[in-house]
Amino acid sequence: MALTWLSFLPGIGADELGVDEYRPKFDVIIMPSALDFVSEDEMLTPLGRLNKYASLLDTLRAVCDNKRDCILVWERISKLAEDPEPIVRAELMEQVPRIALFCQENQPSITYAFAKYLLPVVVRYLTEQNNAVWEKSQETLLAVLEQELIERFDLKMKVCPMLMELTAPDSDEFVRAEALPIMCKTAPMVEKYITKSLILPRFYEMCWDTGMFHVRKVCAANFGSICSAVGREVTEEMLLPRFFQLCSDNVWGVCKAHAECFKAVSCLSAVFMDLISDPSCRVCQAAFQSLGPFLSTFVNPCSSGQLFKVESKSSKDKNSVRGFLFPRILANTCCWWCC
């Protein structure tokens, strides 16, 4: 093949030239490229494609210094996201957190690539019909959120809009119930103004869902995540009334979910901890002396007081008073251990 071009020379044939005389003086060894995997895979079986793409991260490491090669790899990954086999798409989701971390560590050369090529795939897979792929996309999204691998701009512009769409009132009830846990777990990981302006109103609305009880049950199970995201003040003023309402839901599954997450919304404990850790040794001593009676209020069905007030002993603000409305379910219900 190396002498093919010689046949185009006028009046000269390959025989006349003498092949031996034009034999190269050295052997050329062609090394396989790290990009060999990006072509001719249509004939592979699903398992073959799965094995072939299991080394995506290693391939990116090999070509990260070459911008053109990186782009080719990312384009191939985008095509891989369209693979008809769910097992291949699920494998892609499995590798996304590690690839995203690699992109962040190699700033600024390829840091943009995750947001451009992979994050849209993760978000799109949140509507995936295949359960295995959907579950992997959920795990992947939470993993990259916990590692803070998604820029706040991308959270606001790409992730939150999809969550709002999936939990919209006109969305399918089962879709809303599936997307709600993701939204609640995302709430503590985004900026508070996003949580209060987008996630909190939607969660507040879904607590009153009159359709299938699954939505209310999921709201109950994820109450703690929302409370920790919005803070104690918003929890007491806005969310606790919803919490008390759902505690008396006519579906036992909803009430059970609230009982399981009751510890997460115990704001009174946080108030008392402020006194125990007060800089004043006298305040701290008094708090420890009152610790026993304080704990007994959680199990004493005869407790008459439902409003707990704490007068601040701080020199900065001697007149401040903090209050917490005791859940009636604790004050009016006799627990089995105090009978």
C-alpha atoms as a PDB file:
ATOM      1  CA  MET A   1       0.000   0.000   0.000  1.00  0.00           C
ATOM      2  CA  ALA A   2       2.951   2.330   0.587  1.00  0.00           C
ATOM      3  CA  LEU A   3       3.911   2.128  -3.154  1.00  0.00           C
ATOM      4  CA  THR A   4       0.451   2.630  -4.566  1.00  0.00           C
ATOM      5  CA  TRP A   5       1.107   6.282  -5.374  1.00  0.00           C
ATOM      6  CA  LEU A   6       4.032   5.237  -7.640  1.00  0.00           C
ATOM      7  CA  SER A   7       1.683   3.724 -10.202  1.00  0.00           C
ATOM      8  CA  PHE A   8       0.523   7.230 -11.058  1.00  0.00           C
ATOM      9  CA  LEU A   9       3.961   8.266 -12.317  1.00  0.00           C
ATOM     10  CA  PRO A  10       3.913   8.391 -16.163  1.00  0.00           C
ATOM     11  CA  GLY A  11       5.658   5.476 -17.876  1.00  0.00           C
ATOM     12  CA  ILE A  12       6.944   3.905 -14.719  1.00  0.00           C
ATOM     13  CA  GLY A  13       5.656   0.677 -13.314  1.00  0.00           C
ATOM     14  CA  ALA A  14       6.286  -0.857  -9.992  1.00  0.00           C
ATOM     15  CA  ASP A  15       8.275  -3.690 -11.592  1.00  0.00           C
ATOM     16  CA  GLU A  16      10.579  -1.236 -13.320  1.00  0.00           C
ATOM     17  CA  LEU A  17      11.280   0.584 -10.099  1.00  0.00           C
ATOM     18  CA  GLY A  18      12.390  -2.529  -8.243  1.00  0.00           C
ATOM     19  CA  VAL A  19      10.570  -3.139  -5.060  1.00  0.00           C
ATOM     20  CA  ASP A  20      13.655  -4.278  -3.222  1.00  0.00           C
ATOM     21  CA  GLU A  21      15.455  -1.045  -4.029  1.00  0.00           C
ATOM     22  CA  TYR A  22      12.620   1.021  -2.579  1.00  0.00           C
ATOM     23  CA  ARG A  23      12.029  -1.060   0.540  1.00  0.00           C
ATOM     24  CA  PRO A  24      12.023   1.151   3.643  1.00  0.00           C
ATOM     25  CA  LYS A  25      15.224   1.055   5.627  1.00  0.00           C
ATOM     26  CA  PHE A  26      13.247   0.785   8.890  1.00  0.00           C
ATOM     27  CA  ASP A  27      10.045  -0.826  10.100  1.00  0.00           C
ATOM     28  CA  VAL A  28       7.145   1.446  11.059  1.00  0.00           C
ATOM     29  CA  ILE A  29       5.240   0.257  14.112  1.00  0.00           C
ATOM     30  CA  ILE A  30       1.767   1.706  14.448  1.00  0.00           C
ATOM     31  CA  MET A  31       0.718   1.905  18.085  1.00  0.00           C
ATOM     32  CA  PRO A  32      -2.980   1.664  18.899  1.00  0.00           C
ATOM     33  CA  SER A  33      -4.455   5.025  19.817  1.00  0.00           C
ATOM     34  CA  ALA A  34      -6.396   5.688  22.978  1.00  0.00           C
ATOM     35  CA  LEU A  35      -9.210   6.768  20.686  1.00  0.00           C
ATOM     36  CA  ASP A  36      -9.508   3.417  18.892  1.00  0.00           C
ATOM     37  CA  PHE A  37     -12.510   2.642  21.047  1.00  0.00           C
ATOM     38  CA  VAL A  38     -14.569   5.462  19.544  1.00  0.00           C
ATOM     39  CA  SER A  39     -15.309   3.764  16.221  1.00  0.00           C
ATOM     40  CA  GLU A  40     -16.677   0.556  14.745  1.00  0.00           C
ATOM     41  CA  ASP A  41     -18.586  -0.717  17.776  1.00  0.00           C
ATOM     42  CA  GLU A  42     -21.930  -1.189  16.089  1.00  0.00           C
ATOM     43  CA  MET A  43     -21.238  -4.904  15.583  1.00  0.00           C
ATOM     44  CA  LEU A  44     -20.500  -5.535  19.243  1.00  0.00           C
ATOM     45  CA  THR A  45     -22.972  -7.285  21.515  1.00  0.00           C
ATOM     46  CA  PRO A  46     -24.383  -5.315  24.474  1.00  0.00           C
ATOM     47  CA  LEU A  47     -21.949  -7.139  26.768  1.00  0.00           C
ATOM     48  CA  GLY A  48     -19.115  -6.323  24.397  1.00  0.00           C
ATOM     49  CA  ARG A  49     -20.029  -2.637  24.421  1.00  0.00           C
ATOM     50  CA  LEU A  50     -20.312  -2.747  28.189  1.00  0.00           C
ATOM     51  CA  ASN A  51     -16.795  -4.137  28.535  1.00  0.00           C
ATOM     52  CA  LYS A  52     -15.453  -1.732  25.953  1.00  0.00           C
ATOM     53  CA  TYR A  53     -16.797   1.390  27.633  1.00  0.00           C
ATOM     54  CA  ALA A  54     -15.900   0.325  31.159  1.00  0.00           C
ATOM     55  CA  SER A  55     -12.579   2.155  30.743  1.00  0.00           C
ATOM     56  CA  LEU A  56     -13.932   5.593  29.842  1.00  0.00           C
ATOM     57  CA  LEU A  57     -12.093   7.267  32.696  1.00  0.00           C
ATOM     58  CA  ASP A  58      -8.776   5.665  31.715  1.00  0.00           C
ATOM     59  CA  THR A  59      -9.304   6.844  28.150  1.00  0.00           C
ATOM     60  CA  LEU A  60      -9.951  10.402  29.296  1.00  0.00           C
ATOM     61  CA  ARG A  61      -6.792  10.343  31.375  1.00  0.00           C
ATOM     62  CA  ALA A  62      -4.821   9.242  28.317  1.00  0.00           C
ATOM     63  CA  VAL A  63      -6.052  12.052  26.062  1.00  0.00           C
ATOM     64  CA  CYS A  64      -6.713  14.890  28.525  1.00  0.00           C
ATOM     65  CA  ASP A  65      -3.724  16.859  27.225  1.00  0.00           C
ATOM     66  CA  ASN A  66      -5.071  16.864  23.678  1.00  0.00           C
ATOM     67  CA  LYS A  67      -8.132  19.070  23.318  1.00  0.00           C
ATOM     68  CA  ARG A  68      -9.160  17.596  19.970  1.00  0.00           C
ATOM     69  CA  ASP A  69      -8.970  14.035  21.267  1.00  0.00           C
ATOM     70  CA  CYS A  70     -10.923  15.018  24.384  1.00  0.00           C
ATOM     71  CA  ILE A  71     -13.718  16.428  22.272  1.00  0.00           C
ATOM     72  CA  LEU A  72     -13.868  13.206  20.267  1.00  0.00           C
ATOM     73  CA  VAL A  73     -14.172  11.175  23.457  1.00  0.00           C
ATOM     74  CA  TRP A  74     -16.900  13.414  24.869  1.00  0.00           C
ATOM     75  CA  GLU A  75     -18.854  13.209  21.629  1.00  0.00           C
ATOM     76  CA  ARG A  76     -18.577   9.455  21.752  1.00  0.00           C
ATOM     77  CA  ILE A  77     -19.815   9.436  25.331  1.00  0.00           C
ATOM     78  CA  SER A  78     -22.818  11.487  24.218  1.00  0.00           C
ATOM     79  CA  LYS A  79     -23.554   8.846  21.599  1.00  0.00           C
ATOM     80  CA  LEU A  80     -23.160   6.143  24.210  1.00  0.00           C
ATOM     81  CA  ALA A  81     -25.923   7.803  26.225  1.00  0.00           C
ATOM     82  CA  GLU A  82     -28.306   6.942  23.373  1.00  0.00           C
ATOM     83  CA  ASP A  83     -27.464   3.225  23.435  1.00  0.00           C
ATOM     84  CA  PRO A  84     -30.631   1.104  23.165  1.00  0.00           C
ATOM     85  CA  GLU A  85     -29.431  -1.318  25.844  1.00  0.00           C
ATOM     86  CA  PRO A  86     -30.354  -0.227  29.407  1.00  0.00           C
ATOM     87  CA  ILE A  87     -27.362  -2.063  30.877  1.00  0.00           C
ATOM     88  CA  VAL A  88     -24.991   0.103  28.836  1.00  0.00           C
ATOM     89  CA  ARG A  89     -26.745   3.330  29.854  1.00  0.00           C
ATOM     90  CA  ALA A  90     -26.715   2.228  33.493  1.00  0.00           C
ATOM     91  CA  GLU A  91     -22.963   1.550  33.263  1.00  0.00           C
ATOM     92  CA  LEU A  92     -22.471   5.069  31.940  1.00  0.00           C
ATOM     93  CA  MET A  93     -24.279   6.465  34.987  1.00  0.00           C
ATOM     94  CA  GLU A  94     -22.087   4.311  37.215  1.00  0.00           C
ATOM     95  CA  GLN A  95     -18.977   6.042  35.891  1.00  0.00           C
ATOM     96  CA  VAL A  96     -20.302   9.618  35.880  1.00  0.00           C
ATOM     97  CA  PRO A  97     -19.269  10.586  39.463  1.00  0.00           C
ATOM     98  CA  ARG A  98     -15.663   9.493  38.888  1.00  0.00           C
ATOM     99  CA  ILE A  99     -15.527  11.230  35.513  1.00  0.00           C
ATOM    100  CA  ALA A 100     -16.991  14.412  37.024  1.00  0.00           C
ATOM    101  CA  LEU A 101     -14.373  14.382  39.784  1.00  0.00           C
ATOM    102  CA  PHE A 102     -11.629  13.904  37.194  1.00  0.00           C
ATOM    103  CA  CYS A 103     -12.941  16.893  35.243  1.00  0.00           C
ATOM    104  CA  GLN A 104     -12.889  19.076  38.341  1.00  0.00           C
ATOM    105  CA  GLU A 105      -9.334  18.039  39.213  1.00  0.00           C
ATOM    106  CA  ASN A 106      -8.145  18.939  35.712  1.00  0.00           C
ATOM    107  CA  GLN A 107      -9.407  22.495  35.592  1.00  0.00           C
ATOM    108  CA  PRO A 108      -9.559  24.483  33.466  1.00  0.00           C
ATOM    109  CA  SER A 109      -8.812  22.243  30.499  1.00  0.00           C
ATOM    110  CA  ILE A 110     -11.857  19.945  30.652  1.00  0.00           C
ATOM    111  CA  THR A 111     -13.878  21.210  33.583  1.00  0.00           C
ATOM    112  CA  TYR A 112     -16.597  22.502  31.241  1.00  0.00           C
ATOM    113  CA  ALA A 113     -17.079  19.068  29.695  1.00  0.00           C
ATOM    114  CA  PHE A 114     -19.113  17.556  32.534  1.00  0.00           C
ATOM    115  CA  ALA A 115     -21.701  20.341  32.467  1.00  0.00           C
ATOM    116  CA  LYS A 116     -21.845  20.293  28.670  1.00  0.00           C
ATOM    117  CA  TYR A 117     -21.879  16.576  27.900  1.00  0.00           C
ATOM    118  CA  LEU A 118     -22.736  14.497  30.981  1.00  0.00           C
ATOM    119  CA  LEU A 119     -24.968  16.585  33.249  1.00  0.00           C
ATOM    120  CA  PRO A 120     -27.702  16.918  30.579  1.00  0.00           C
ATOM    121  CA  VAL A 121     -27.665  13.121  30.254  1.00  0.00           C
ATOM    122  CA  VAL A 122     -28.026  12.640  34.017  1.00  0.00           C
ATOM    123  CA  VAL A 123     -30.934  15.089  34.129  1.00  0.00           C
ATOM    124  CA  ARG A 124     -32.605  13.496  31.117  1.00  0.00           C
ATOM    125  CA  TYR A 125     -32.330  10.048  32.656  1.00  0.00           C
ATOM    126  CA  LEU A 126     -34.491  11.254  35.555  1.00  0.00           C
ATOM    127  CA  THR A 127     -37.396  10.612  33.182  1.00  0.00           C
ATOM    128  CA  GLU A 128     -35.999   7.262  32.017  1.00  0.00           C
ATOM    129  CA  GLN A 129     -38.575   4.491  31.722  1.00  0.00           C
ATOM    130  CA  ASN A 130     -36.133   1.737  32.661  1.00  0.00           C
ATOM    131  CA  ASN A 131     -35.973   1.376  36.447  1.00  0.00           C
ATOM    132  CA  ALA A 132     -32.302   0.389  36.579  1.00  0.00           C
ATOM    133  CA  VAL A 133     -31.222   3.425  34.564  1.00  0.00           C
ATOM    134  CA  TRP A 134     -33.535   5.735  36.531  1.00  0.00           C
ATOM    135  CA  GLU A 135     -32.192   4.521  39.866  1.00  0.00           C
ATOM    136  CA  LYS A 136     -28.611   4.919  38.683  1.00  0.00           C
ATOM    137  CA  SER A 137     -29.320   8.453  37.488  1.00  0.00           C
ATOM    138  CA  GLN A 138     -30.790   9.318  40.879  1.00  0.00           C
ATOM    139  CA  GLU A 139     -27.775   7.886  42.710  1.00  0.00           C
ATOM    140  CA  THR A 140     -25.436   9.678  40.327  1.00  0.00           C
ATOM    141  CA  LEU A 141     -27.130  13.044  40.764  1.00  0.00           C
ATOM    142  CA  LEU A 142     -27.018  12.796  44.536  1.00  0.00           C
ATOM    143  CA  ALA A 143     -23.381  11.674  44.454  1.00  0.00           C
ATOM    144  CA  VAL A 144     -22.195  14.612  42.358  1.00  0.00           C
ATOM    145  CA  LEU A 145     -24.257  16.981  44.503  1.00  0.00           C
ATOM    146  CA  GLU A 146     -22.729  15.709  47.735  1.00  0.00           C
ATOM    147  CA  GLN A 147     -19.244  16.100  46.259  1.00  0.00           C
ATOM    148  CA  GLU A 148     -20.150  19.612  45.053  1.00  0.00           C
ATOM    149  CA  LEU A 149     -19.230  18.750  41.478  1.00  0.00           C
ATOM    150  CA  ILE A 150     -22.086  20.735  39.941  1.00  0.00           C
ATOM    151  CA  GLU A 151     -21.771  24.473  39.611  1.00  0.00           C
ATOM    152  CA  ARG A 152     -24.514  26.524  41.250  1.00  0.00           C
ATOM    153  CA  PHE A 153     -25.432  27.989  37.875  1.00  0.00           C
ATOM    154  CA  ASP A 154     -25.993  24.514  36.437  1.00  0.00           C
ATOM    155  CA  LEU A 155     -28.026  23.504  39.478  1.00  0.00           C
ATOM    156  CA  LYS A 156     -30.291  26.457  38.977  1.00  0.00           C
ATOM    157  CA  MET A 157     -30.571  26.261  35.191  1.00  0.00           C
ATOM    158  CA  LYS A 158     -30.520  22.498  34.529  1.00  0.00           C
ATOM    159  CA  VAL A 159     -31.324  20.413  37.597  1.00  0.00           C
ATOM    160  CA  CYS A 160     -33.972  22.441  39.406  1.00  0.00           C
ATOM    161  CA  PRO A 161     -36.119  23.114  36.301  1.00  0.00           C
ATOM    162  CA  MET A 162     -36.347  19.370  35.639  1.00  0.00           C
ATOM    163  CA  LEU A 163     -37.314  18.673  39.247  1.00  0.00           C
ATOM    164  CA  MET A 164     -39.960  21.378  39.089  1.00  0.00           C
ATOM    165  CA  GLU A 165     -41.314  19.868  35.877  1.00  0.00           C
ATOM    166  CA  LEU A 166     -41.468  16.353  37.306  1.00  0.00           C
ATOM    167  CA  THR A 167     -43.263  17.504  40.470  1.00  0.00           C
ATOM    168  CA  ALA A 168     -45.711  19.846  38.738  1.00  0.00           C
ATOM    169  CA  PRO A 169     -49.416  19.438  39.642  1.00  0.00           C
ATOM    170  CA  ASP A 170     -50.268  18.209  36.140  1.00  0.00           C
ATOM    171  CA  SER A 171     -47.554  15.541  36.226  1.00  0.00           C
ATOM    172  CA  ASP A 172     -48.361  11.873  36.774  1.00  0.00           C
ATOM    173  CA  GLU A 173     -48.864  11.004  40.439  1.00  0.00           C
ATOM    174  CA  PHE A 174     -46.289   8.226  40.413  1.00  0.00           C
ATOM    175  CA  VAL A 175     -43.764  10.460  38.649  1.00  0.00           C
ATOM    176  CA  ARG A 176     -44.287  13.146  41.286  1.00  0.00           C
ATOM    177  CA  ALA A 177     -43.839  10.628  44.082  1.00  0.00           C
ATOM    178  CA  GLU A 178     -40.603   9.374  42.509  1.00  0.00           C
ATOM    179  CA  ALA A 179     -39.147  12.830  41.858  1.00  0.00           C
ATOM    180  CA  LEU A 180     -40.053  14.287  45.253  1.00  0.00           C
ATOM    181  CA  PRO A 181     -37.296  12.500  47.230  1.00  0.00           C
ATOM    182  CA  ILE A 182     -34.695  13.803  44.780  1.00  0.00           C
ATOM    183  CA  MET A 183     -36.029  17.327  45.170  1.00  0.00           C
ATOM    184  CA  CYS A 184     -35.989  17.065  48.970  1.00  0.00           C
ATOM    185  CA  LYS A 185     -32.471  15.645  49.090  1.00  0.00           C
ATOM    186  CA  THR A 186     -31.306  18.346  46.705  1.00  0.00           C
ATOM    187  CA  ALA A 187     -32.729  21.124  48.887  1.00  0.00           C
ATOM    188  CA  PRO A 188     -29.901  21.208  51.489  1.00  0.00           C
ATOM    189  CA  MET A 189     -27.287  21.174  48.722  1.00  0.00           C
ATOM    190  CA  VAL A 190     -28.353  24.257  46.784  1.00  0.00           C
ATOM    191  CA  GLU A 191     -28.388  27.919  47.736  1.00  0.00           C
ATOM    192  CA  LYS A 192     -31.049  28.839  50.271  1.00  0.00           C
ATOM    193  CA  TYR A 193     -32.729  31.336  47.984  1.00  0.00           C
ATOM    194  CA  ILE A 194     -33.297  28.550  45.449  1.00  0.00           C
ATOM    195  CA  THR A 195     -34.701  26.297  48.156  1.00  0.00           C
ATOM    196  CA  LYS A 196     -37.045  28.968  49.506  1.00  0.00           C
ATOM    197  CA  SER A 197     -38.193  30.300  46.134  1.00  0.00           C
ATOM    198  CA  LEU A 198     -38.564  27.032  44.205  1.00  0.00           C
ATOM    199  CA  ILE A 199     -38.393  23.881  46.317  1.00  0.00           C
ATOM    200  CA  LEU A 200     -40.178  25.012  49.490  1.00  0.00           C
ATOM    201  CA  PRO A 201     -43.361  26.278  47.755  1.00  0.00           C
ATOM    202  CA  ARG A 202     -43.606  23.069  45.726  1.00  0.00           C
ATOM    203  CA  PHE A 203     -43.101  20.891  48.797  1.00  0.00           C
ATOM    204  CA  TYR A 204     -45.634  22.957  50.747  1.00  0.00           C
ATOM    205  CA  GLU A 205     -48.140  22.453  47.937  1.00  0.00           C
ATOM    206  CA  MET A 206     -47.537  18.711  47.670  1.00  0.00           C
ATOM    207  CA  CYS A 207     -48.167  18.207  51.394  1.00  0.00           C
ATOM    208  CA  TRP A 208     -51.814  19.034  50.643  1.00  0.00           C
ATOM    209  CA  ASP A 209     -52.040  16.749  47.603  1.00  0.00           C
ATOM    210  CA  THR A 210     -55.572  15.348  47.480  1.00  0.00           C
ATOM    211  CA  GLY A 211     -54.847  12.686  44.890  1.00  0.00           C
ATOM    212  CA  MET A 212     -53.050   9.466  45.692  1.00  0.00           C
ATOM    213  CA  PHE A 213     -51.669   9.232  49.218  1.00  0.00           C
ATOM    214  CA  HIS A 214     -48.209   8.280  47.898  1.00  0.00           C
ATOM    215  CA  VAL A 215     -47.265  11.935  47.424  1.00  0.00           C
ATOM    216  CA  ARG A 216     -48.207  12.860  51.004  1.00  0.00           C
ATOM    217  CA  LYS A 217     -46.366   9.795  52.290  1.00  0.00           C
ATOM    218  CA  VAL A 218     -43.177  10.793  50.484  1.00  0.00           C
ATOM    219  CA  CYS A 219     -43.553  14.336  51.837  1.00  0.00           C
ATOM    220  CA  ALA A 220     -43.717  12.913  55.343  1.00  0.00           C
ATOM    221  CA  ALA A 221     -40.692  10.682  54.822  1.00  0.00           C
ATOM    222  CA  ASN A 222     -38.581  13.604  53.569  1.00  0.00           C
ATOM    223  CA  PHE A 223     -39.730  16.285  55.991  1.00  0.00           C
ATOM    224  CA  GLY A 224     -36.400  16.304  57.789  1.00  0.00           C
ATOM    225  CA  SER A 225     -34.406  17.176  54.656  1.00  0.00           C
ATOM    226  CA  ILE A 226     -36.580  20.197  53.935  1.00  0.00           C
ATOM    227  CA  CYS A 227     -36.499  21.379  57.552  1.00  0.00           C
ATOM    228  CA  SER A 228     -32.714  21.215  57.710  1.00  0.00           C
ATOM    229  CA  ALA A 229     -32.486  23.132  54.436  1.00  0.00           C
ATOM    230  CA  VAL A 230     -34.782  26.049  55.327  1.00  0.00           C
ATOM    231  CA  GLY A 231     -33.795  26.444  58.973  1.00  0.00           C
ATOM    232  CA  ARG A 232     -35.647  26.518  62.277  1.00  0.00           C
ATOM    233  CA  GLU A 233     -37.538  29.776  61.798  1.00  0.00           C
ATOM    234  CA  VAL A 234     -39.195  28.764  58.522  1.00  0.00           C
ATOM    235  CA  THR A 235     -39.787  25.278  59.906  1.00  0.00           C
ATOM    236  CA  GLU A 236     -41.707  26.566  62.921  1.00  0.00           C
ATOM    237  CA  GLU A 237     -43.657  29.234  61.053  1.00  0.00           C
ATOM    238  CA  MET A 238     -44.472  27.406  57.829  1.00  0.00           C
ATOM    239  CA  LEU A 239     -43.757  23.691  57.915  1.00  0.00           C
ATOM    240  CA  LEU A 240     -44.829  22.561  61.396  1.00  0.00           C
ATOM    241  CA  PRO A 241     -48.529  23.340  60.742  1.00  0.00           C
ATOM    242  CA  ARG A 242     -48.282  21.094  57.678  1.00  0.00           C
ATOM    243  CA  PHE A 243     -46.508  18.483  59.763  1.00  0.00           C
ATOM    244  CA  PHE A 244     -49.245  18.461  62.402  1.00  0.00           C
ATOM    245  CA  GLN A 245     -51.894  18.248  59.682  1.00  0.00           C
ATOM    246  CA  LEU A 246     -50.287  15.199  58.090  1.00  0.00           C
ATOM    247  CA  CYS A 247     -49.865  13.529  61.479  1.00  0.00           C
ATOM    248  CA  SER A 248     -53.654  13.121  61.526  1.00  0.00           C
ATOM    249  CA  ASP A 249     -53.912  11.932  57.916  1.00  0.00           C
ATOM    250  CA  ASN A 250     -56.602   9.327  57.290  1.00  0.00           C
ATOM    251  CA  VAL A 251     -54.029   7.009  55.668  1.00  0.00           C
ATOM    252  CA  TRP A 252     -51.982   5.126  58.242  1.00  0.00           C
ATOM    253  CA  GLY A 253     -48.968   4.944  55.939  1.00  0.00           C
ATOM    254  CA  VAL A 254     -48.684   8.739  55.974  1.00  0.00           C
ATOM    255  CA  CYS A 255     -48.887   8.871  59.769  1.00  0.00           C
ATOM    256  CA  LYS A 256     -46.302   6.089  60.047  1.00  0.00           C
ATOM    257  CA  ALA A 257     -43.899   8.035  57.832  1.00  0.00           C
ATOM    258  CA  HIS A 258     -44.263  11.054  60.117  1.00  0.00           C
ATOM    259  CA  ALA A 259     -43.622   8.955  63.200  1.00  0.00           C
ATOM    260  CA  GLU A 260     -40.406   7.664  61.636  1.00  0.00           C
ATOM    261  CA  CYS A 261     -39.043  11.148  60.891  1.00  0.00           C
ATOM    262  CA  PHE A 262     -40.231  12.862  64.089  1.00  0.00           C
ATOM    263  CA  LYS A 263     -36.708  13.194  65.426  1.00  0.00           C
ATOM    264  CA  ALA A 264     -35.641  15.231  62.407  1.00  0.00           C
ATOM    265  CA  VAL A 265     -38.111  18.033  63.189  1.00  0.00           C
ATOM    266  CA  SER A 266     -37.559  18.238  66.923  1.00  0.00           C
ATOM    267  CA  CYS A 267     -36.642  21.918  67.032  1.00  0.00           C
ATOM    268  CA  LEU A 268     -37.116  22.031  70.801  1.00  0.00           C
ATOM    269  CA  SER A 269     -34.029  19.901  71.299  1.00  0.00           C
ATOM    270  CA  ALA A 270     -31.985  22.427  69.338  1.00  0.00           C
ATOM    271  CA  VAL A 271     -33.256  25.251  71.563  1.00  0.00           C
ATOM    272  CA  PHE A 272     -32.310  23.354  74.696  1.00  0.00           C
ATOM    273  CA  MET A 273     -28.855  22.551  73.320  1.00  0.00           C
ATOM    274  CA  ASP A 274     -28.231  26.287  73.015  1.00  0.00           C
ATOM    275  CA  LEU A 275     -28.656  26.579  76.793  1.00  0.00           C
ATOM    276  CA  ILE A 276     -26.444  23.586  77.562  1.00  0.00           C
ATOM    277  CA  SER A 277     -23.653  25.120  75.488  1.00  0.00           C
ATOM    278  CA  ASP A 278     -24.182  28.665  76.822  1.00  0.00           C
ATOM    279  CA  PRO A 279     -20.936  30.556  77.590  1.00  0.00           C
ATOM    280  CA  SER A 280     -22.217  31.362  81.097  1.00  0.00           C
ATOM    281  CA  CYS A 281     -21.388  28.542  83.517  1.00  0.00           C
ATOM    282  CA  ARG A 282     -24.486  29.365  85.593  1.00  0.00           C
ATOM    283  CA  VAL A 283     -26.782  29.066  82.622  1.00  0.00           C
ATOM    284  CA  CYS A 284     -25.078  25.850  81.605  1.00  0.00           C
ATOM    285  CA  GLN A 285     -25.419  24.436  85.146  1.00  0.00           C
ATOM    286  CA  ALA A 286     -29.095  25.350  85.330  1.00  0.00           C
ATOM    287  CA  ALA A 287     -29.684  23.724  81.952  1.00  0.00           C
ATOM    288  CA  PHE A 288     -28.112  20.463  83.091  1.00  0.00           C
ATOM    289  CA  GLN A 289     -30.205  20.546  86.275  1.00  0.00           C
ATOM    290  CA  SER A 290     -33.315  20.903  84.143  1.00  0.00           C
ATOM    291  CA  LEU A 291     -32.283  18.199  81.692  1.00  0.00           C
ATOM    292  CA  GLY A 292     -34.242  15.456  83.450  1.00  0.00           C
ATOM    293  CA  PRO A 293     -37.548  17.374  83.617  1.00  0.00           C
ATOM    294  CA  PHE A 294     -36.990  18.490  80.024  1.00  0.00           C
ATOM    295  CA  LEU A 295     -36.678  14.917  78.795  1.00  0.00           C
ATOM    296  CA  SER A 296     -39.697  13.834  80.837  1.00  0.00           C
ATOM    297  CA  THR A 297     -41.937  16.182  78.863  1.00  0.00           C
ATOM    298  CA  PHE A 298     -41.530  13.905  75.850  1.00  0.00           C
ATOM    299  CA  VAL A 299     -43.137  10.944  77.643  1.00  0.00           C
ATOM    300  CA  ASN A 300     -45.397  12.537  80.261  1.00  0.00           C
ATOM    301  CA  PRO A 301     -48.993  12.408  78.958  1.00  0.00           C
ATOM    302  CA  CYS A 302     -50.177  14.555  81.849  1.00  0.00           C
ATOM    303  CA  SER A 303     -47.967  17.486  80.913  1.00  0.00           C
ATOM    304  CA  SER A 304     -50.159  20.558  80.830  1.00  0.00           C
ATOM    305  CA  GLY A 305     -47.761  23.025  79.265  1.00  0.00           C
ATOM    306  CA  GLN A 306     -47.564  23.039  75.489  1.00  0.00           C
ATOM    307  CA  LEU A 307     -45.518  26.196  75.049  1.00  0.00           C
ATOM    308  CA  PHE A 308     -41.877  26.026  75.996  1.00  0.00           C
ATOM    309  CA  LYS A 309     -40.193  29.409  76.521  1.00  0.00           C
ATOM    310  CA  VAL A 310     -36.554  30.197  77.033  1.00  0.00           C
ATOM    311  CA  GLU A 311     -35.486  33.575  78.395  1.00  0.00           C
ATOM    312  CA  SER A 312     -32.068  34.520  77.101  1.00  0.00           C
ATOM    313  CA  LYS A 313     -29.473  35.222  79.805  1.00  0.00           C
ATOM    314  CA  SER A 314     -27.122  36.765  77.276  1.00  0.00           C
ATOM    315  CA  SER A 315     -25.860  40.234  78.167  1.00  0.00           C
ATOM    316  CA  LYS A 316     -26.504  41.333  74.605  1.00  0.00           C
ATOM    317  CA  ASP A 317     -30.217  40.608  74.652  1.00  0.00           C
ATOM    318  CA  LYS A 318     -31.824  40.094  78.045  1.00  0.00           C
ATOM    319  CA  ASN A 319     -35.380  40.501  76.811  1.00  0.00           C
ATOM    320  CA  SER A 320     -35.423  37.968  73.992  1.00  0.00           C
ATOM    321  CA  VAL A 321     -37.799  35.048  74.367  1.00  0.00           C
ATOM    322  CA  ARG A 322     -37.829  31.990  72.166  1.00  0.00           C
ATOM    323  CA  GLY A 323     -40.805  29.682  71.990  1.00  0.00           C
ATOM    324  CA  PHE A 324     -41.731  26.354  70.520  1.00  0.00           C
ATOM    325  CA  LEU A 325     -45.211  24.930  70.209  1.00  0.00           C
ATOM    326  CA  PHE A 326     -45.263  21.415  71.564  1.00  0.00           C
ATOM    327  CA  PRO A 327     -46.674  18.890  69.089  1.00  0.00           C
ATOM    328  CA  ARG A 328     -50.075  17.914  70.410  1.00  0.00           C
ATOM    329  CA  ILE A 329     -49.390  14.343  69.393  1.00  0.00           C
ATOM    330  CA  LEU A 330     -46.744  14.236  72.153  1.00  0.00           C
ATOM    331  CA  ALA A 331     -48.695  16.145  74.787  1.00  0.00           C
ATOM    332  CA  ASN A 332     -52.008  14.330  74.401  1.00  0.00           C
ATOM    333  CA  THR A 333     -50.979  10.756  73.566  1.00  0.00           C
ATOM    334  CA  CYS A 334     -49.951   8.247  76.210  1.00  0.00           C
ATOM    335  CA  CYS A 335     -46.952   6.258  75.035  1.00  0.00           C
ATOM    336  CA  TRP A 336     -46.626   2.560  75.793  1.00  0.00           C
ATOM    337  CA  TRP A 337     -43.569   3.039  78.011  1.00  0.00           C
ATOM    338  CA  CYS A 338     -45.371   5.407  80.422  1.00  0.00           C
ATOM    339  CA  CYS A 339     -48.517   3.310  80.856  1.00  0.00           C
END
